[in-house]
Structures are given as C-alpha cells and as structure tokens.
C-alpha cells in the first residue's frame, strides 16, 4: 500500500492508541492527536514508529475550533494531505447520574467533545480532502467515526453519553451521503465493551456480565487492537463499495438472542 496519512483524534491512549498502532503496521503516517497528556502521546508515537509507521504529535482539544483548525493545518504541513480521519476522541460522564437527576454541565461537556467537535472537524477535513488529488484507488479520502453500542443501547445512568453517540452515528450517514460522489467514503465503527482506562472503573461489573453471564457470544473483553484492525481494513481499502456502513466490533453484543 502506498503510504497514507491518518489523523487520529484521542490517539495517546486506549482505543485511539490501538488504532494508531494498527495503521502504522499498514505503513501509514499517523498524526497522533492528544488533548493534554503529552507523555502518553510520546509513548504512542514511539509505538507507532516501532510498528513501522511514521508520525507526529498534534496537540489540540477537539471541542475548540482553533485547535481543530491547527490540528488539520499541522498534519497537512507535515504530510501534505490527509487520507484518513478517525474521529475517536471522546469522554465518559464524570459522574453516572440517573436520567432524572443528571445536570446540564455534563451534557454540555459530552456534546462539545463527543459530537460537536467531531462534526466540525469532519467538515474541516472533508474540505481539505476535496482539494486533494485522488489516490491510486480513486479516493480523495476516508472518514471513520468511533461510536459505541451506546448509540442504540439505553443506559439510564448515562443518558448524555448515549445521546451523543447516537448523534455521531447519524453524522456518519449524513457525511456519507454528502461526500460519496466526491471520492470520500465514510464509515462508523461501533465498539462494544473494550478494556481501556474508561472502562477500568466498571471492570468487576463487566467481568461478571461477559465472563459469567455471557452478555456477548464471544466471551472476552474487547481490546483496542480489535478496533484498530477494523480501521486498518478501511485504510487498506477493503470496503471500496461501502459507505455509511456500520461495523460492529462488539463480540456479538448486537445480536438479538433467546
């Protein structure tokens, strides 16, 4: 595969790091976005280079317009184009609150980072891609958003998280429709329960649900590299005739079972 450039938001840790490493294994150049943890980002960059890729660090808060513009500009300066945007950066509620007690502050925070930021970053990157020459496969670019099973699974103690993930799923459909004729395919990857810092606080709960009760047919936790491999397949153009598609990386959680 000819070297491609990927901008991965929230790539210093967790799922984002797993994505960055898998893209590096495919020979990609990766712009590793991080908000504040530079040490973790530098570690991720080292892992990207060890995996055979090249990369840069791009600091920025996806919720801030000026940061989004700088992230894109720095990536283009370094690598001249963006072949793949991965909207991965996201946060969970600081406190899980019942639907009837949850406040606006948490909702506003999750909306800004998990939905508004990716929406306008996608708009910005799409404009960049429209000015690029088509690559050897005929694409100007690809866009992937990492959502969650929470896009369709109700969790009444974190309604704000479910709402923004559902919005991100619709965002994928909208941009897929708008950009299909421009050589830009858009995809959604919908992870299940993945072992990261974000899920560390509920490990005991999900150990029981997954390992004992079999909430997923595949009885193990998901790993960041599971999501990374799905993104890598898109980067390698395994799905050229698909856009707006949802890829479930959830151990089979989405199946309706009796």
Protein backbone atom coordinates (compact mmCIF):
# COMPACT_ATOMS: atom_id res chain seq x y z
CA UNK A 1 0.00 0.00 0.00
CA UNK A 2 1.28 3.47 -0.86
CA UNK A 3 1.92 5.48 2.33
CA UNK A 4 -1.20 7.21 3.55
CA UNK A 5 -1.67 9.87 6.19
CA UNK A 6 -4.13 9.42 9.03
CA UNK A 7 -5.24 11.95 11.62
CA UNK A 8 -6.45 10.08 14.70
CA UNK A 9 -8.05 12.09 17.48
CA UNK A 10 -7.56 10.97 21.07
CA UNK A 11 -4.73 8.70 19.97
CA UNK A 12 -2.49 8.88 23.02
CA UNK A 13 -4.23 6.10 24.95
CA UNK A 14 -6.87 3.40 24.78
CA UNK A 15 -8.72 2.71 21.55
CA UNK A 16 -7.05 5.62 19.77
CA UNK A 17 -3.59 4.26 20.50
CA UNK A 18 -4.65 0.82 19.30
CA UNK A 19 -5.89 2.37 16.06
CA UNK A 20 -2.67 4.35 15.56
CA UNK A 21 -0.51 1.26 16.02
CA UNK A 22 -2.53 -0.83 13.57
CA UNK A 23 -2.39 1.94 10.99
CA UNK A 24 1.37 2.10 11.46
CA UNK A 25 1.55 -1.63 10.77
CA UNK A 26 -0.14 -0.87 7.45
CA UNK A 27 2.59 1.66 6.70
CA UNK A 28 0.56 4.76 7.46
CA UNK A 29 1.90 8.07 8.67
CA UNK A 30 -0.11 8.96 11.75
CA UNK A 31 -0.85 12.36 13.24
CA UNK A 32 -1.43 11.48 16.88
CA UNK A 33 -3.82 13.97 18.42
CA UNK A 34 -3.91 14.40 22.19
CA UNK A 35 -5.53 16.96 24.47
CA UNK A 36 -3.20 17.20 27.47
CA UNK A 37 -1.24 14.02 28.24
CA UNK A 38 1.93 14.61 26.21
CA UNK A 39 3.83 11.79 27.91
CA UNK A 40 1.23 9.26 26.82
CA UNK A 41 1.24 10.75 23.31
CA UNK A 42 5.02 10.46 23.05
CA UNK A 43 4.78 6.85 24.16
CA UNK A 44 2.15 6.22 21.48
CA UNK A 45 4.38 7.84 18.87
CA UNK A 46 7.22 5.55 19.87
CA UNK A 47 4.94 2.54 19.43
CA UNK A 48 3.82 3.82 16.02
CA UNK A 49 7.42 4.08 14.86
CA UNK A 50 8.27 0.65 16.30
CA UNK A 51 5.35 -0.76 14.32
CA UNK A 52 6.84 0.53 11.08
CA UNK A 53 4.99 3.79 10.62
CA UNK A 54 5.92 7.43 10.83
CA UNK A 55 4.11 10.08 12.80
CA UNK A 56 3.85 13.42 14.53
CA UNK A 57 2.18 14.69 17.67
CA UNK A 58 -0.68 17.16 17.24
CA UNK A 59 -1.93 18.71 20.46
CA UNK A 60 -5.47 20.02 20.49
CA UNK A 61 -8.86 19.86 22.14
CA UNK A 62 -11.37 18.68 19.57
CA UNK A 63 -14.03 20.80 21.27
CA UNK A 64 -12.15 24.03 20.44
CA UNK A 65 -12.48 25.45 16.92
CA UNK A 66 -9.00 26.98 16.81
CA UNK A 67 -7.47 23.71 17.95
CA UNK A 68 -9.31 21.78 15.25
CA UNK A 69 -8.01 24.14 12.59
CA UNK A 70 -4.46 23.84 13.90
CA UNK A 71 -4.64 20.04 14.06
CA UNK A 72 -5.56 19.88 10.39
CA UNK A 73 -3.02 22.51 9.36
CA UNK A 74 -0.13 20.85 11.18
CA UNK A 75 -0.98 17.47 9.67
CA UNK A 76 -1.09 18.91 6.15
CA UNK A 77 2.17 20.82 6.65
CA UNK A 78 3.89 17.65 7.80
CA UNK A 79 2.44 15.19 5.26
CA UNK A 80 0.80 17.37 2.55
CA UNK A 81 -2.54 15.56 2.67
CA UNK A 82 -4.96 13.68 4.90
CA UNK A 83 -6.11 10.33 3.55
CA UNK A 84 -7.95 9.16 6.66
CA UNK A 85 -9.65 10.95 9.54
CA UNK A 86 -10.51 8.87 12.58
CA UNK A 87 -12.90 10.59 14.97
CA UNK A 88 -12.01 8.71 18.12
CA UNK A 89 -11.58 11.30 20.90
CA UNK A 90 -14.33 11.07 23.46
CA UNK A 91 -15.08 11.24 27.15
CA UNK A 92 -17.47 9.50 29.51
CA UNK A 93 -19.59 11.30 32.09
CA UNK A 94 -17.56 12.32 35.14
CA UNK A 95 -20.41 11.00 37.28
CA UNK A 96 -23.00 8.44 36.27
CA UNK A 97 -26.30 10.06 37.20
CA UNK A 98 -29.88 8.84 36.93
CA UNK A 99 -31.74 10.25 33.95
CA UNK A 100 -34.00 12.27 36.26
CA UNK A 101 -31.09 13.77 38.20
CA UNK A 102 -28.45 14.41 35.51
CA UNK A 103 -27.41 18.03 35.01
CA UNK A 104 -26.67 20.20 32.01
CA UNK A 105 -22.97 20.65 32.73
CA UNK A 106 -22.16 17.00 31.97
CA UNK A 107 -24.40 17.04 28.89
CA UNK A 108 -22.74 20.16 27.52
CA UNK A 109 -19.26 18.71 28.10
CA UNK A 110 -20.03 15.44 26.32
CA UNK A 111 -21.81 17.21 23.49
CA UNK A 112 -18.87 19.53 22.88
CA UNK A 113 -16.20 16.81 22.87
CA UNK A 114 -18.04 13.75 21.57
CA UNK A 115 -20.34 15.25 18.94
CA UNK A 116 -19.89 18.93 18.11
CA UNK A 117 -16.10 18.62 17.89
CA UNK A 118 -16.12 15.61 15.55
CA UNK A 119 -18.89 17.16 13.43
CA UNK A 120 -16.94 20.31 12.69
CA UNK A 121 -13.59 18.53 12.45
CA UNK A 122 -15.12 16.24 9.84
CA UNK A 123 -16.40 19.29 7.97
CA UNK A 124 -12.92 20.83 8.06
CA UNK A 125 -11.12 17.67 6.95
CA UNK A 126 -13.68 17.00 4.22
CA UNK A 127 -12.93 20.41 2.75
CA UNK A 128 -9.23 19.58 2.83
CA UNK A 129 -9.89 16.24 1.13
CA UNK A 130 -11.96 17.85 -1.61
CA UNK A 131 -8.89 19.79 -2.70
CA UNK A 132 -6.70 16.69 -2.90
CA UNK A 133 -5.91 14.60 -5.94
CA UNK A 134 -7.46 11.17 -5.95
CA UNK A 135 -5.13 8.41 -4.80
CA UNK A 136 -4.28 5.20 -6.67
CA UNK A 137 -7.57 3.64 -5.55
CA UNK A 138 -9.57 6.62 -6.75
CA UNK A 139 -10.26 8.13 -3.34
CA UNK A 140 -9.67 11.61 -2.03
CA UNK A 141 -10.05 10.33 1.50
CA UNK A 142 -11.85 8.21 4.04
CA UNK A 143 -13.53 9.20 7.30
CA UNK A 144 -14.20 6.89 10.23
CA UNK A 145 -16.08 7.70 13.43
CA UNK A 146 -15.75 5.51 16.51
CA UNK A 147 -19.14 5.35 18.19
CA UNK A 148 -20.33 2.76 20.70
CA UNK A 149 -23.01 0.19 21.39
CA UNK A 150 -24.41 3.08 23.45
CA UNK A 151 -25.63 4.56 20.16
CA UNK A 152 -28.58 2.16 20.44
CA UNK A 153 -28.36 0.66 23.94
CA UNK A 154 -30.12 2.61 26.69
CA UNK A 155 -28.11 3.25 29.86
CA UNK A 156 -30.33 5.33 32.12
CA UNK A 157 -27.43 6.43 34.32
CA UNK A 158 -25.50 7.98 31.43
CA UNK A 159 -28.11 9.28 29.06
CA UNK A 160 -25.86 12.10 27.86
CA UNK A 161 -23.29 9.59 26.59
CA UNK A 162 -25.95 7.57 24.75
CA UNK A 163 -27.39 10.72 23.16
CA UNK A 164 -24.11 11.98 21.73
CA UNK A 165 -23.07 8.55 20.43
CA UNK A 166 -26.42 8.23 18.67
CA UNK A 167 -25.80 11.65 17.14
CA UNK A 168 -22.38 10.55 15.94
CA UNK A 169 -23.99 7.57 14.22
CA UNK A 170 -26.31 9.91 12.31
CA UNK A 171 -23.35 12.15 11.48
CA UNK A 172 -21.78 9.22 9.66
CA UNK A 173 -24.86 8.79 7.47
CA UNK A 174 -25.03 12.48 6.68
CA UNK A 175 -21.42 12.86 5.61
CA UNK A 176 -21.51 9.54 3.73
CA UNK A 177 -24.40 10.82 1.63
CA UNK A 178 -22.84 14.23 1.06
CA UNK A 179 -19.36 13.02 0.10
CA UNK A 180 -19.93 9.79 -1.84
CA UNK A 181 -19.67 11.41 -5.25
CA UNK A 182 -16.50 13.23 -4.24
CA UNK A 183 -14.41 10.11 -3.69
CA UNK A 184 -14.70 10.19 0.11
CA UNK A 185 -16.18 7.17 1.87
CA UNK A 186 -17.46 7.48 5.42
CA UNK A 187 -17.80 4.69 7.98
CA UNK A 188 -18.90 4.05 11.55
CA UNK A 189 -17.17 1.55 13.81
CA UNK A 190 -19.27 0.61 16.81
CA UNK A 191 -17.19 -0.95 19.61
CA UNK A 192 -18.62 -2.92 22.48
CA UNK A 193 -17.00 -3.25 25.89
CA UNK A 194 -13.31 -2.52 25.32
CA UNK A 195 -10.62 -2.78 28.01
CA UNK A 196 -9.36 0.80 28.41
CA UNK A 197 -8.93 3.40 31.12
CA UNK A 198 -12.52 4.48 30.50
CA UNK A 199 -13.92 1.07 31.43
CA UNK A 200 -11.47 0.39 34.25
CA UNK A 201 -13.89 1.63 36.88
CA UNK A 202 -16.58 -0.87 35.88
CA UNK A 203 -14.31 -3.88 35.36
CA UNK A 204 -15.96 -6.02 38.03
CA UNK A 205 -19.42 -5.35 36.60
CA UNK A 206 -18.43 -6.30 33.05
CA UNK A 207 -16.31 -9.25 34.12
CA UNK A 208 -19.50 -10.74 35.52
CA UNK A 209 -21.64 -9.80 32.52
CA UNK A 210 -19.18 -11.05 29.92
CA UNK A 211 -17.38 -13.95 31.54
CA UNK A 212 -20.16 -15.37 33.71
CA UNK A 213 -23.47 -14.30 32.17
CA UNK A 214 -22.33 -14.32 28.52
CA UNK A 215 -23.78 -10.95 27.55
CA UNK A 216 -21.66 -11.32 24.40
CA UNK A 217 -21.44 -14.57 22.40
CA UNK A 218 -17.65 -14.12 22.27
CA UNK A 219 -16.87 -14.30 25.98
CA UNK A 220 -13.98 -11.90 26.37
CA UNK A 221 -13.35 -8.20 26.72
CA UNK A 222 -12.65 -6.33 23.53
CA UNK A 223 -9.18 -4.91 23.06
CA UNK A 224 -8.06 -1.64 21.43
CA UNK A 225 -6.36 -3.60 18.66
CA UNK A 226 -9.72 -5.17 17.76
CA UNK A 227 -10.99 -1.73 16.83
CA UNK A 228 -7.64 -0.86 15.28
CA UNK A 229 -7.82 -3.78 12.88
CA UNK A 230 -11.22 -2.65 11.66
CA UNK A 231 -9.88 0.84 10.96
CA UNK A 232 -6.84 -0.66 9.26
CA UNK A 233 -9.09 -2.63 6.91
CA UNK A 234 -10.75 0.62 5.86
CA UNK A 235 -7.38 2.31 5.39
CA UNK A 236 -6.34 -0.58 3.16
CA UNK A 237 -9.46 -0.07 1.02
CA UNK A 238 -11.08 -3.40 1.84
CA UNK A 239 -14.53 -1.80 1.51
CA UNK A 240 -14.43 0.44 -1.58
CA UNK A 241 -18.09 -0.14 -2.42
CA UNK A 242 -19.37 0.63 1.08
CA UNK A 243 -20.14 4.00 2.62
CA UNK A 244 -22.29 4.91 5.60
CA UNK A 245 -21.67 1.37 6.78
CA UNK A 246 -21.62 0.33 10.44
CA UNK A 247 -19.05 -2.22 11.58
CA UNK A 248 -19.88 -3.85 14.91
CA UNK A 249 -16.75 -4.67 16.91
CA UNK A 250 -18.56 -5.89 19.99
CA UNK A 251 -18.14 -9.63 20.46
CA UNK A 252 -21.62 -10.16 19.02
CA UNK A 253 -23.40 -7.92 21.55
CA UNK A 254 -25.67 -6.54 18.80
CA UNK A 255 -27.27 -9.93 18.15
CA UNK A 256 -30.82 -10.40 19.44
CA UNK A 257 -30.75 -13.75 21.23
CA UNK A 258 -33.22 -16.01 23.02
